[in-house]
């Protein structure tokens, strides 16, 4: 059970962080550059895919990546321009052009047939699944492999989909589905914010345990399920709003107990 003090803390931090000032220092700024749905989707997935490590470095590398794509991710992908990239050139940490090429081949195949990733995901019926993000990841991984002679790439989509926390896909889903008009973009109307899960990383996991919201020690799928179920008791319509709170607490304070 979440105590009144912890609920007040979560609500206060969520409101403080979920504001337009957050955008400029976060990778969410990159899909927000675009108005066309396919551009937003590709920018969101790619920016989320390389969103680990130092935020300033992440934003620098996201900007470089989209510039390399002529700031037109959908047209660049559909034209197949990525096939001419040097596969050994680095994009961000352990993500290289070879991984980008692999990824974009799959996305190109989907866009060619469906026009947008959202139209494809809707047609594939992911909204009917209990955990749409994991079904999306499973289907996207299969589409990417099919476009690459059956070869998967865990740098694009994690290989252990049933067990992974799927942090980066869940973050992209938050951007694409939440629609309060503040930070997140909310273009995927076929999904409800109630179907979102918390993007769980080490920092969010540690803060959640210190607040008594999460008991599982591993940052895996079961931990995401547990944490999100807990936060749904506060906001069943929009549990992912508390991603902002957990981020803000993790960055700006160091809770040592459930009584802050």
Protein backbone atom coordinates (compact mmCIF):
# COMPACT_ATOMS: atom_id res chain seq x y z
CA UNK A 1 0.00 0.00 0.00
CA UNK A 2 1.25 3.46 -0.90
CA UNK A 3 1.19 5.83 2.06
CA UNK A 4 -0.38 9.31 1.75
CA UNK A 5 3.07 10.91 2.15
CA UNK A 6 4.53 8.88 -0.71
CA UNK A 7 1.51 9.58 -2.89
CA UNK A 8 1.88 13.30 -2.25
CA UNK A 9 5.58 13.09 -3.11
CA UNK A 10 4.88 11.22 -6.35
CA UNK A 11 2.13 13.60 -7.44
CA UNK A 12 4.21 16.68 -6.60
CA UNK A 13 7.29 15.42 -8.43
CA UNK A 14 5.27 14.28 -11.45
CA UNK A 15 3.72 17.74 -11.78
CA UNK A 16 7.09 19.44 -11.31
CA UNK A 17 8.96 17.42 -13.93
CA UNK A 18 6.14 17.00 -16.48
CA UNK A 19 6.40 20.51 -17.86
CA UNK A 20 7.70 22.05 -21.11
CA UNK A 21 11.06 22.96 -19.55
CA UNK A 22 11.83 19.24 -19.35
CA UNK A 23 11.84 18.86 -23.13
CA UNK A 24 15.04 20.68 -24.03
CA UNK A 25 17.30 18.38 -22.02
CA UNK A 26 15.55 15.10 -22.83
CA UNK A 27 15.53 12.85 -25.93
CA UNK A 28 11.78 13.48 -26.26
CA UNK A 29 12.79 16.72 -27.99
CA UNK A 30 13.75 14.79 -31.14
CA UNK A 31 10.43 13.21 -32.14
CA UNK A 32 8.81 16.51 -31.19
CA UNK A 33 10.70 18.17 -34.04
CA UNK A 34 8.37 16.57 -36.56
CA UNK A 35 4.72 16.78 -37.55
CA UNK A 36 4.39 13.80 -39.90
CA UNK A 37 3.49 10.59 -38.07
CA UNK A 38 6.15 8.36 -39.66
CA UNK A 39 8.88 10.91 -38.89
CA UNK A 40 7.75 11.14 -35.27
CA UNK A 41 7.67 7.35 -34.89
CA UNK A 42 11.10 6.72 -36.37
CA UNK A 43 12.69 9.58 -34.42
CA UNK A 44 11.05 8.26 -31.24
CA UNK A 45 12.20 4.67 -31.70
CA UNK A 46 15.75 5.56 -32.70
CA UNK A 47 16.17 8.20 -29.98
CA UNK A 48 14.85 5.77 -27.37
CA UNK A 49 17.06 2.98 -28.71
CA UNK A 50 20.24 4.92 -27.95
CA UNK A 51 18.94 6.51 -24.74
CA UNK A 52 21.27 5.04 -22.17
CA UNK A 53 24.14 6.69 -20.37
CA UNK A 54 24.80 10.42 -19.98
CA UNK A 55 21.77 12.49 -21.06
CA UNK A 56 23.89 15.21 -22.65
CA UNK A 57 25.74 12.60 -24.71
CA UNK A 58 22.47 10.89 -25.64
CA UNK A 59 21.00 14.16 -26.92
CA UNK A 60 24.18 14.98 -28.81
CA UNK A 61 24.17 11.60 -30.54
CA UNK A 62 20.43 11.68 -31.28
CA UNK A 63 20.91 15.06 -32.95
CA UNK A 64 23.83 13.75 -35.01
CA UNK A 65 21.85 10.67 -36.01
CA UNK A 66 18.86 12.64 -37.27
CA UNK A 67 21.14 15.10 -39.06
CA UNK A 68 22.77 12.13 -40.80
CA UNK A 69 19.25 11.14 -41.91
CA UNK A 70 18.86 14.57 -43.56
CA UNK A 71 16.44 15.49 -40.76
CA UNK A 72 13.80 13.51 -42.68
CA UNK A 73 13.79 10.07 -41.05
CA UNK A 74 10.86 8.60 -43.00
CA UNK A 75 12.08 9.73 -46.43
CA UNK A 76 15.62 8.65 -45.59
CA UNK A 77 14.37 5.22 -44.54
CA UNK A 78 12.04 4.70 -47.50
CA UNK A 79 14.77 5.76 -49.96
CA UNK A 80 17.09 3.12 -48.52
CA UNK A 81 19.82 5.76 -48.16
CA UNK A 82 21.11 3.95 -45.07
CA UNK A 83 22.50 1.13 -47.23
CA UNK A 84 25.41 3.40 -48.19
CA UNK A 85 26.56 3.98 -44.61
CA UNK A 86 29.91 2.79 -43.31
CA UNK A 87 28.78 -0.10 -41.08
CA UNK A 88 31.70 0.38 -38.68
CA UNK A 89 30.98 4.02 -37.87
CA UNK A 90 29.78 4.59 -34.32
CA UNK A 91 26.48 6.26 -33.44
CA UNK A 92 26.29 5.95 -29.65
CA UNK A 93 28.31 3.76 -27.33
CA UNK A 94 27.79 0.17 -28.57
CA UNK A 95 25.26 1.11 -31.29
CA UNK A 96 26.89 1.35 -34.72
CA UNK A 97 25.78 2.05 -38.27
CA UNK A 98 25.56 -1.70 -38.85
CA UNK A 99 22.84 -1.82 -36.18
CA UNK A 100 21.06 1.17 -37.67
CA UNK A 101 21.10 -0.42 -41.13
CA UNK A 102 19.67 -3.61 -39.67
CA UNK A 103 16.93 -1.67 -37.87
CA UNK A 104 15.95 0.54 -40.80
CA UNK A 105 15.60 -2.39 -43.19
CA UNK A 106 12.80 -3.70 -41.03
CA UNK A 107 11.16 -0.31 -40.58
CA UNK A 108 11.38 0.32 -44.32
CA UNK A 109 9.54 -2.92 -45.05
CA UNK A 110 6.77 -1.91 -42.64
CA UNK A 111 6.45 1.66 -43.96
CA UNK A 112 6.39 0.46 -47.55
CA UNK A 113 3.34 -1.69 -46.83
CA UNK A 114 1.50 0.22 -44.09
CA UNK A 115 2.66 3.84 -44.35
CA UNK A 116 3.33 4.24 -40.63
CA UNK A 117 4.43 2.08 -37.75
CA UNK A 118 1.27 2.99 -35.91
CA UNK A 119 -0.94 1.74 -38.75
CA UNK A 120 1.03 -1.51 -38.76
CA UNK A 121 0.88 -1.94 -34.99
CA UNK A 122 -2.85 -1.23 -35.00
CA UNK A 123 -3.42 -3.71 -37.83
CA UNK A 124 -1.41 -6.32 -35.93
CA UNK A 125 -3.78 -5.90 -32.99
CA UNK A 126 -1.27 -5.03 -30.27
CA UNK A 127 -3.92 -3.06 -28.35
CA UNK A 128 -5.70 -6.33 -27.55
CA UNK A 129 -2.66 -7.65 -25.66
CA UNK A 130 -2.22 -7.23 -21.92
CA UNK A 131 1.23 -5.71 -22.47
CA UNK A 132 1.19 -4.00 -25.90
CA UNK A 133 4.81 -2.82 -25.74
CA UNK A 134 6.13 -6.38 -25.46
CA UNK A 135 3.90 -7.58 -28.30
CA UNK A 136 5.08 -4.64 -30.40
CA UNK A 137 8.71 -5.52 -29.65
CA UNK A 138 8.16 -9.16 -30.54
CA UNK A 139 6.51 -8.31 -33.85
CA UNK A 140 9.01 -5.59 -34.72
CA UNK A 141 11.93 -7.90 -33.95
CA UNK A 142 10.42 -10.49 -36.29
CA UNK A 143 9.91 -7.90 -39.03
CA UNK A 144 13.49 -6.67 -38.67
CA UNK A 145 14.84 -10.23 -38.83
CA UNK A 146 12.72 -11.01 -41.90
CA UNK A 147 14.17 -7.97 -43.67
CA UNK A 148 17.70 -9.17 -42.78
CA UNK A 149 17.64 -12.76 -44.02
CA UNK A 150 16.28 -14.07 -40.72
CA UNK A 151 19.02 -12.51 -38.59
CA UNK A 152 17.98 -10.66 -35.42
CA UNK A 153 19.99 -7.91 -33.73
CA UNK A 154 19.72 -7.42 -29.97
CA UNK A 155 21.11 -3.88 -30.33
CA UNK A 156 17.84 -3.01 -32.08
CA UNK A 157 15.34 -5.01 -30.01
CA UNK A 158 16.36 -7.09 -26.95
CA UNK A 159 16.55 -10.80 -27.65
CA UNK A 160 15.00 -11.95 -24.37
CA UNK A 161 11.72 -10.12 -24.93
CA UNK A 162 9.67 -12.11 -22.41
CA UNK A 163 12.10 -11.30 -19.57
CA UNK A 164 13.47 -7.87 -20.40
CA UNK A 165 12.21 -4.66 -18.78
CA UNK A 166 12.04 -3.25 -22.33
CA UNK A 167 12.92 0.18 -20.99
CA UNK A 168 13.60 1.88 -24.30
CA UNK A 169 10.47 0.64 -26.08
CA UNK A 170 8.37 1.57 -23.04
CA UNK A 171 9.89 5.03 -23.12
CA UNK A 172 9.05 5.44 -26.81
CA UNK A 173 5.53 4.21 -26.06
CA UNK A 174 5.17 6.86 -23.35
CA UNK A 175 6.11 9.53 -25.87
CA UNK A 176 3.78 8.17 -28.55
CA UNK A 177 0.74 7.30 -26.41
CA UNK A 178 0.43 9.72 -23.47
CA UNK A 179 -1.53 12.75 -24.58
CA UNK A 180 -1.80 15.35 -21.85
CA UNK A 181 -0.30 17.90 -24.24
CA UNK A 182 2.67 18.81 -22.06
CA UNK A 183 5.76 16.72 -22.87
CA UNK A 184 4.57 13.52 -24.52
CA UNK A 185 3.28 13.58 -28.08
CA UNK A 186 0.34 11.16 -28.02
CA UNK A 187 -0.14 10.38 -31.72
CA UNK A 188 -1.04 6.69 -31.25
CA UNK A 189 -4.75 6.88 -30.50
CA UNK A 190 -5.29 3.12 -30.87
CA UNK A 191 -3.63 2.63 -27.48
CA UNK A 192 -4.71 4.07 -24.15
CA UNK A 193 -2.34 5.61 -21.58
CA UNK A 194 -3.81 3.05 -19.17
CA UNK A 195 -1.97 0.35 -21.19
CA UNK A 196 1.47 1.87 -20.64
CA UNK A 197 4.18 0.45 -18.38
CA UNK A 198 6.92 2.28 -16.51
CA UNK A 199 10.24 2.53 -18.43
CA UNK A 200 12.39 0.80 -15.82
CA UNK A 201 16.13 1.38 -15.57
CA UNK A 202 18.60 1.13 -12.70
CA UNK A 203 17.82 4.60 -11.32
CA UNK A 204 14.04 4.22 -11.46
CA UNK A 205 14.36 0.76 -9.92
CA UNK A 206 16.50 1.97 -7.04
CA UNK A 207 14.26 4.93 -6.26
CA UNK A 208 11.16 2.72 -6.43
CA UNK A 209 12.65 0.26 -3.93
CA UNK A 210 13.65 3.06 -1.57
CA UNK A 211 10.10 4.38 -1.68
CA UNK A 212 8.63 0.96 -0.99
CA UNK A 213 6.98 0.71 -4.42
CA UNK A 214 9.00 -2.27 -5.64
CA UNK A 215 10.27 -5.34 -3.82
CA UNK A 216 11.84 -7.31 -6.68
CA UNK A 217 15.61 -6.90 -6.78
CA UNK A 218 16.14 -7.45 -10.50
CA UNK A 219 15.27 -4.76 -13.05
CA UNK A 220 13.40 -7.11 -15.36
CA UNK A 221 9.93 -7.68 -16.81
CA UNK A 222 8.55 -8.93 -13.50
CA UNK A 223 9.80 -5.78 -11.79
CA UNK A 224 8.10 -3.60 -14.41
CA UNK A 225 4.85 -5.51 -13.89
CA UNK A 226 5.09 -5.12 -10.11
CA UNK A 227 5.96 -1.42 -10.16
CA UNK A 228 3.37 -0.51 -12.77
CA UNK A 229 0.65 -2.47 -10.93
CA UNK A 230 1.52 -0.55 -7.78
CA UNK A 231 1.32 2.83 -9.54
CA UNK A 232 -1.94 1.87 -11.23
CA UNK A 233 -3.53 1.89 -7.79
CA UNK A 234 -2.97 5.65 -7.85
CA UNK A 235 -3.68 6.38 -11.51
CA UNK A 236 -5.23 3.41 -13.32
CA UNK A 237 -5.88 5.67 -16.32
CA UNK A 238 -2.27 6.88 -16.59
CA UNK A 239 0.34 5.02 -14.49
CA UNK A 240 3.23 6.23 -16.68
CA UNK A 241 2.77 9.78 -15.39
CA UNK A 242 4.83 8.60 -12.43
CA UNK A 243 7.83 7.96 -14.67
CA UNK A 244 8.40 11.70 -14.32
CA UNK A 245 8.20 11.52 -10.54
CA UNK A 246 10.64 8.62 -10.23
CA UNK A 247 13.04 10.33 -12.63
CA UNK A 248 12.82 13.62 -10.73
CA UNK A 249 13.36 12.04 -7.33
CA UNK A 250 16.29 10.04 -8.68
CA UNK A 251 17.99 13.07 -10.17
CA UNK A 252 17.34 15.66 -7.49
CA UNK A 253 17.36 13.79 -4.21
CA UNK A 254 18.60 10.61 -2.58
CA UNK A 255 15.77 9.01 -0.60
CA UNK A 256 16.95 6.71 2.14
CA UNK A 257 13.56 5.45 3.31
CA UNK A 258 9.87 5.63 2.53
CA UNK A 259 9.65 8.72 4.76
CA UNK A 260 11.18 11.60 2.85
